[in-house]
Amino acid sequence: MSDAAISIRDLAKTYEGGKQALKGVSFDVPQGGIFGLLGPNGAGKSTIINIMAGLVMKTSGTVEIWGHDIDRDHRNAKLSIGIVPQEIVFDPFFTPFEVLENQGGMYGVAKHLRRSEELLRAVRLEDKRNAYARTLSGGMKRRLLIAKAMVHSPPILVLDEPTAGVDVELRRQLWELVGELNAEGVTVVLTTHYLEEAEQLCDRIAIINHGELVTNKPTRELVGMAREKIVRITVDRDLPAPPAPEEFLKCQLTDPRTLEVTYDRDRYSAGQVLERVQQLGFAIQDVTTREPDLEDVFVQLTTAAKGGPA
């Protein structure tokens, strides 16, 4: 088996009617880390996940999951992955224990090898063992979905927008749980619209846009690609309007005496920006800077992929 937990080569999908959801996407998910799969709505992320889950048939290309080709070795490929969908999907009239037992049976896990009690403890639902699933809170249902995806002990866990629409405390609880699973050796693949979340959690990030792979790099390297930087400058008097010298990509007033200047750090330094403000006749009273983050890179790359400015 290769070192990749998931290996995707030239993956393409054209739906009936001619819509191309994927256009020859290739990337590897390394073993043992947390891998972010990001992109705008409609970029192709869900299509990739649904192909891996066996819910969508690919048009061409290959997908290997833990070394098993999804066409030639479908059973072992499916046993190697657990998928947590965006939607809440289980029978509301079963208890959490019954949900896990039934799922284990569907995967052919022998009764004496099932881990239902252990998984309920892991997701902190042991006290809800015999409650109807419909009575669980939204956060409990999310945690039960993660346990359900792990009944067959897959080495890979895929989380499709797991924190969409949940509150801050639940998000923190979910990420603690995912971190614990990852620390135990589970490879995690995450899709999310919360870019700050992806930046904090993921070792490596791939960005998909319009069915094509835009980039695939370690997170720190990706964040380092951001060319734009922001400096906030407080000057000695009110400004009627923001200045617009050519060195500034963007300049706006956040209050009558504070300029927020965006500049290209590949062409100018913060010192040059401050010098330019002084040349315009202003005395500088305070300066703060903001380092680029994943959101800056995401916007930069997805805008460039649409044919806009790089």
Protein backbone atom coordinates (compact mmCIF):
# COMPACT_ATOMS: atom_id res chain seq x y z
CA MET A 1 0.00 0.00 0.00
CA SER A 2 1.18 3.55 -0.75
CA ASP A 3 1.68 6.16 1.97
CA ALA A 4 -1.54 7.88 0.88
CA ALA A 5 -4.73 7.25 2.84
CA ILE A 6 -6.69 8.34 -0.24
CA SER A 7 -5.27 8.62 -3.74
CA ILE A 8 -7.32 10.35 -6.46
CA ARG A 9 -6.13 10.48 -10.07
CA ASP A 10 -7.74 12.31 -13.02
CA LEU A 11 -11.18 12.10 -11.39
CA ALA A 12 -13.94 13.41 -13.64
CA LYS A 13 -17.69 13.50 -13.30
CA THR A 14 -20.20 14.75 -15.86
CA TYR A 15 -23.83 14.60 -14.81
CA GLU A 16 -26.73 13.93 -17.12
CA GLY A 17 -27.42 17.13 -19.00
CA GLY A 18 -23.71 17.86 -19.49
CA LYS A 19 -22.78 19.58 -16.22
CA GLN A 20 -19.10 18.90 -15.46
CA ALA A 21 -18.77 18.65 -11.68
CA LEU A 22 -15.15 17.40 -11.72
CA LYS A 23 -12.56 18.02 -14.45
CA GLY A 24 -9.64 15.64 -13.94
CA VAL A 25 -8.89 16.22 -10.25
CA SER A 26 -5.78 14.55 -8.77
CA PHE A 27 -4.47 14.66 -5.20
CA ASP A 28 -3.37 12.44 -2.30
CA VAL A 29 -4.51 12.56 1.31
CA PRO A 30 -1.53 11.63 3.54
CA GLN A 31 -2.04 9.09 6.30
CA GLY A 32 -2.46 10.18 9.89
CA GLY A 33 -3.21 13.87 9.48
CA ILE A 34 -6.22 16.17 9.19
CA PHE A 35 -6.75 17.11 5.54
CA GLY A 36 -8.96 20.04 4.51
CA LEU A 37 -10.95 19.89 1.26
CA LEU A 38 -12.21 23.42 0.67
CA GLY A 39 -14.01 25.29 -2.05
CA PRO A 40 -17.00 27.53 -2.76
CA ASN A 41 -20.51 26.09 -3.01
CA GLY A 42 -20.81 23.94 -6.13
CA ALA A 43 -17.03 23.54 -6.46
CA GLY A 44 -17.17 19.71 -6.53
CA LYS A 45 -16.35 18.77 -2.92
CA SER A 46 -19.56 16.86 -2.26
CA THR A 47 -19.23 15.03 -5.58
CA ILE A 48 -15.79 13.75 -4.53
CA ILE A 49 -17.14 12.60 -1.16
CA ASN A 50 -20.18 10.94 -2.75
CA ILE A 51 -17.94 9.09 -5.21
CA MET A 52 -15.82 7.79 -2.33
CA ALA A 53 -18.99 6.77 -0.48
CA GLY A 54 -20.29 4.87 -3.51
CA LEU A 55 -23.32 7.16 -3.88
CA VAL A 56 -22.22 8.71 -7.20
CA MET A 57 -20.62 6.90 -10.14
CA LYS A 58 -17.56 8.66 -11.52
CA THR A 59 -17.22 9.30 -15.26
CA SER A 60 -13.49 8.53 -15.36
CA GLY A 61 -10.34 8.45 -13.27
CA THR A 62 -9.33 6.34 -10.27
CA VAL A 63 -9.91 6.52 -6.52
CA GLU A 64 -8.01 4.37 -4.02
CA ILE A 65 -9.03 4.30 -0.36
CA TRP A 66 -6.38 2.85 1.98
CA GLY A 67 -4.84 1.17 -1.08
CA HIS A 68 -8.14 -0.33 -2.33
CA ASP A 69 -9.49 0.73 -5.72
CA ILE A 70 -13.18 1.65 -5.40
CA ASP A 71 -13.98 -0.25 -8.63
CA ARG A 72 -11.82 -3.37 -8.32
CA ASP A 73 -12.00 -3.76 -4.53
CA HIS A 74 -15.19 -1.99 -3.60
CA ARG A 75 -15.86 -3.91 -0.38
CA ASN A 76 -12.48 -3.21 1.24
CA ALA A 77 -12.53 0.39 0.01
CA LYS A 78 -15.90 0.91 1.71
CA LEU A 79 -14.70 -0.76 4.92
CA SER A 80 -11.73 1.63 5.03
CA ILE A 81 -13.76 4.82 5.26
CA GLY A 82 -16.40 6.28 7.55
CA ILE A 83 -18.39 9.26 6.29
CA VAL A 84 -20.24 11.78 8.44
CA PRO A 85 -22.75 13.56 6.15
CA GLN A 86 -24.11 17.08 6.52
CA GLU A 87 -27.63 15.75 7.04
CA ILE A 88 -28.83 14.00 10.20
CA VAL A 89 -29.44 10.44 8.94
CA PHE A 90 -30.65 7.75 11.31
CA ASP A 91 -34.01 6.35 12.41
CA PRO A 92 -35.38 8.70 15.10
CA PHE A 93 -37.24 5.83 16.79
CA PHE A 94 -34.07 3.86 17.58
CA THR A 95 -31.96 4.54 20.64
CA PRO A 96 -28.30 5.56 20.15
CA PHE A 97 -27.22 2.05 21.18
CA GLU A 98 -29.59 0.50 18.61
CA VAL A 99 -28.40 2.92 15.90
CA LEU A 100 -24.80 1.75 16.42
CA GLU A 101 -25.73 -1.93 16.71
CA ASN A 102 -27.75 -1.81 13.48
CA GLN A 103 -24.96 0.01 11.65
CA GLY A 104 -22.41 -2.55 12.89
CA GLY A 105 -24.65 -5.34 11.60
CA MET A 106 -24.91 -3.70 8.17
CA TYR A 107 -21.11 -3.63 7.98
CA GLY A 108 -20.93 -7.30 8.94
CA VAL A 109 -19.28 -6.68 12.31
CA ALA A 110 -19.83 -9.78 14.45
CA LYS A 111 -21.94 -9.09 17.53
CA HIS A 112 -19.11 -9.88 19.96
CA LEU A 113 -16.78 -7.49 18.10
CA ARG A 114 -19.08 -4.48 18.05
CA ARG A 115 -17.91 -1.38 19.92
CA SER A 116 -21.26 0.31 20.54
CA GLU A 117 -20.73 0.91 24.26
CA GLU A 118 -17.15 2.10 23.70
CA LEU A 119 -18.22 4.48 20.95
CA LEU A 120 -21.05 5.93 23.05
CA ARG A 121 -18.51 6.68 25.77
CA ALA A 122 -16.10 8.18 23.23
CA VAL A 123 -18.75 10.62 21.95
CA ARG A 124 -20.03 11.26 25.52
CA LEU A 125 -23.48 9.78 24.94
CA GLU A 126 -23.36 6.83 27.35
CA ASP A 127 -26.05 8.47 29.51
CA LYS A 128 -28.33 8.66 26.43
CA ARG A 129 -27.83 4.99 25.56
CA ASN A 130 -31.52 4.12 25.79
CA ALA A 131 -33.12 7.45 24.83
CA TYR A 132 -34.91 7.74 21.49
CA ALA A 133 -32.58 9.38 18.98
CA ARG A 134 -35.28 11.92 18.13
CA THR A 135 -35.04 13.34 21.66
CA LEU A 136 -31.33 14.18 21.35
CA SER A 137 -30.16 17.76 20.95
CA GLY A 138 -28.58 18.85 17.67
CA GLY A 139 -25.10 18.50 19.13
CA MET A 140 -25.79 15.01 20.44
CA LYS A 141 -27.09 13.96 17.03
CA ARG A 142 -23.88 15.23 15.40
CA ARG A 143 -21.78 13.24 17.87
CA LEU A 144 -23.91 10.15 17.25
CA LEU A 145 -23.25 10.51 13.51
CA ILE A 146 -19.51 10.41 14.19
CA ALA A 147 -19.91 7.27 16.31
CA LYS A 148 -22.06 5.73 13.57
CA ALA A 149 -19.30 6.38 11.01
CA MET A 150 -16.76 4.62 13.26
CA VAL A 151 -18.65 1.35 14.00
CA HIS A 152 -16.46 -0.66 11.62
CA SER A 153 -13.21 0.95 12.88
CA PRO A 154 -12.23 2.59 9.57
CA PRO A 155 -8.76 4.15 9.35
CA ILE A 156 -10.26 7.18 7.53
CA LEU A 157 -13.04 9.50 8.74
CA VAL A 158 -14.61 12.02 6.34
CA LEU A 159 -16.52 14.94 7.87
CA ASP A 160 -18.72 16.85 5.42
CA GLU A 161 -19.50 20.29 6.90
CA PRO A 162 -19.81 18.86 10.42
CA THR A 163 -20.18 22.22 12.16
CA ALA A 164 -22.57 23.92 9.73
CA GLY A 165 -25.23 25.74 11.71
CA VAL A 166 -23.98 24.70 15.16
CA ASP A 167 -23.07 26.98 18.04
CA VAL A 168 -19.56 27.83 19.23
CA GLU A 169 -19.59 25.45 22.21
CA LEU A 170 -20.75 22.49 20.12
CA ARG A 171 -18.11 23.27 17.51
CA ARG A 172 -15.46 23.17 20.24
CA GLN A 173 -16.77 19.82 21.52
CA LEU A 174 -16.82 18.30 18.04
CA TRP A 175 -13.24 19.36 17.36
CA GLU A 176 -12.05 17.98 20.67
CA LEU A 177 -13.61 14.64 19.66
CA VAL A 178 -12.08 14.75 16.17
CA GLY A 179 -8.69 15.64 17.67
CA GLU A 180 -8.89 12.62 19.97
CA LEU A 181 -9.73 10.31 17.05
CA ASN A 182 -6.86 11.75 15.01
CA ALA A 183 -4.47 11.30 17.96
CA GLU A 184 -5.45 7.62 17.95
CA GLY A 185 -4.28 7.34 14.33
CA VAL A 186 -7.46 8.03 12.35
CA THR A 187 -6.88 10.04 9.17
CA VAL A 188 -9.47 12.85 9.00
CA VAL A 189 -10.76 14.55 5.85
CA LEU A 190 -12.72 17.74 6.51
CA THR A 191 -14.88 19.98 4.36
CA THR A 192 -15.95 23.24 5.95
CA HIS A 193 -16.92 26.80 5.09
CA TYR A 194 -15.33 28.02 8.32
CA LEU A 195 -11.88 28.89 7.00
CA GLU A 196 -10.52 29.89 10.40
CA GLU A 197 -11.49 26.41 11.60
CA ALA A 198 -9.66 24.76 8.71
CA GLU A 199 -6.56 26.89 9.28
CA GLN A 200 -6.39 25.86 12.95
CA LEU A 201 -7.13 22.16 12.47
CA CYS A 202 -5.74 21.00 9.15
CA ASP A 203 -2.15 19.92 8.42
CA ARG A 204 -2.73 20.19 4.69
CA ILE A 205 -5.42 21.83 2.53
CA ALA A 206 -6.62 21.31 -1.03
CA ILE A 207 -8.87 23.93 -2.65
CA ILE A 208 -11.32 22.95 -5.40
CA ASN A 209 -13.05 25.50 -7.63
CA HIS A 210 -15.30 24.89 -10.63
CA GLY A 211 -14.42 21.19 -10.57
CA GLU A 212 -10.66 21.77 -10.73
CA LEU A 213 -7.89 21.53 -8.15
CA VAL A 214 -6.62 25.05 -7.47
CA THR A 215 -3.95 24.17 -4.91
CA ASN A 216 -2.85 21.42 -2.49
CA LYS A 217 -0.25 22.47 0.08
CA PRO A 218 0.64 22.26 3.77
CA THR A 219 -1.52 24.79 5.63
CA ARG A 220 1.35 27.02 6.78
CA GLU A 221 2.79 27.16 3.27
CA LEU A 222 -0.64 27.96 1.85
CA VAL A 223 -1.20 30.83 4.29
CA GLY A 224 2.25 32.13 3.37
CA MET A 225 1.09 32.53 -0.25
CA ALA A 226 -1.07 35.52 0.64
CA ARG A 227 0.31 38.56 -1.15
CA GLU A 228 -2.01 41.14 0.33
CA LYS A 229 -1.35 42.59 3.77
CA ILE A 230 -3.30 45.13 5.79
CA VAL A 231 -1.91 47.96 7.93
CA ARG A 232 -4.16 50.18 10.07
CA ILE A 233 -2.79 53.71 10.50
CA THR A 234 -4.08 56.40 12.88
CA VAL A 235 -3.10 59.91 11.78
CA ASP A 236 -3.07 63.31 13.52
CA ARG A 237 -6.22 64.83 12.00
CA ASP A 238 -9.53 63.95 10.42
CA LEU A 239 -9.51 62.89 6.78
CA PRO A 240 -12.36 63.99 4.49
CA ALA A 241 -11.73 60.99 2.21
CA PRO A 242 -9.21 58.12 1.99
CA PRO A 243 -6.12 58.83 -0.15
CA ALA A 244 -5.55 56.64 -3.19
CA PRO A 245 -1.84 56.51 -4.15
CA GLU A 246 -0.80 53.75 -6.57
CA GLU A 247 1.07 51.87 -3.84
CA PHE A 248 -2.24 51.06 -2.09
CA LEU A 249 -4.35 48.22 -3.48
CA LYS A 250 -7.19 49.48 -1.30
CA CYS A 251 -7.60 52.24 1.26
CA GLN A 252 -10.62 52.91 3.44
CA LEU A 253 -11.50 54.92 6.51
CA THR A 254 -12.57 52.94 9.57
CA ASP A 255 -13.07 56.21 11.46
CA PRO A 256 -12.26 59.86 10.59
CA ARG A 257 -8.60 59.47 11.62
CA THR A 258 -7.88 55.80 10.87
CA LEU A 259 -6.84 54.44 7.49
CA GLU A 260 -6.95 50.74 6.67
CA VAL A 261 -4.49 50.20 3.84
CA THR A 262 -4.20 46.99 1.81
CA TYR A 263 -0.95 46.58 -0.10
CA ASP A 264 0.95 43.92 -2.05
CA ARG A 265 3.68 42.69 0.28
CA ASP A 266 5.63 41.30 -2.70
CA ARG A 267 6.06 44.86 -4.02
CA TYR A 268 6.07 47.08 -0.95
CA SER A 269 6.99 46.88 2.72
CA ALA A 270 4.99 48.25 5.64
CA GLY A 271 7.73 50.88 6.05
CA GLN A 272 7.19 52.12 2.49
CA VAL A 273 3.44 52.37 3.08
CA LEU A 274 4.01 54.45 6.23
CA GLU A 275 6.51 56.65 4.42
CA ARG A 276 3.92 57.27 1.67
CA VAL A 277 1.31 58.33 4.23
CA GLN A 278 3.81 60.79 5.71
CA GLN A 279 4.60 62.14 2.23
CA LEU A 280 0.88 62.88 1.87
CA GLY A 281 1.27 65.29 4.82
CA PHE A 282 -0.01 63.25 7.76
CA ALA A 283 1.73 62.58 11.07
CA ILE A 284 1.34 58.96 12.19
CA GLN A 285 0.13 58.41 15.75
CA ASP A 286 -0.47 54.64 15.83
CA VAL A 287 0.08 51.60 13.60
CA THR A 288 -1.22 48.02 13.73
CA THR A 289 -0.85 45.27 11.13
CA ARG A 290 -2.85 42.16 10.32
CA GLU A 291 -1.08 39.07 9.07
CA PRO A 292 -2.65 37.28 6.09
CA ASP A 293 -4.79 34.25 6.87
CA LEU A 294 -6.38 31.36 4.99
CA GLU A 295 -9.39 33.48 4.02
CA ASP A 296 -7.12 35.91 2.18
CA VAL A 297 -5.53 33.05 0.23
CA PHE A 298 -8.88 31.37 -0.44
CA VAL A 299 -10.36 34.55 -1.92
CA GLN A 300 -7.18 35.23 -3.90
CA LEU A 301 -7.04 31.73 -5.43
CA THR A 302 -10.73 31.24 -6.14
CA THR A 303 -10.98 34.72 -7.69
CA ALA A 304 -7.98 33.98 -9.92
CA ALA A 305 -9.54 30.63 -10.93
CA LYS A 306 -12.62 32.48 -12.18
CA GLY A 307 -10.48 34.56 -14.47
CA GLY A 308 -10.28 37.58 -12.18
CA PRO A 309 -7.16 39.14 -10.78
CA ALA A 310 -4.63 36.77 -9.29
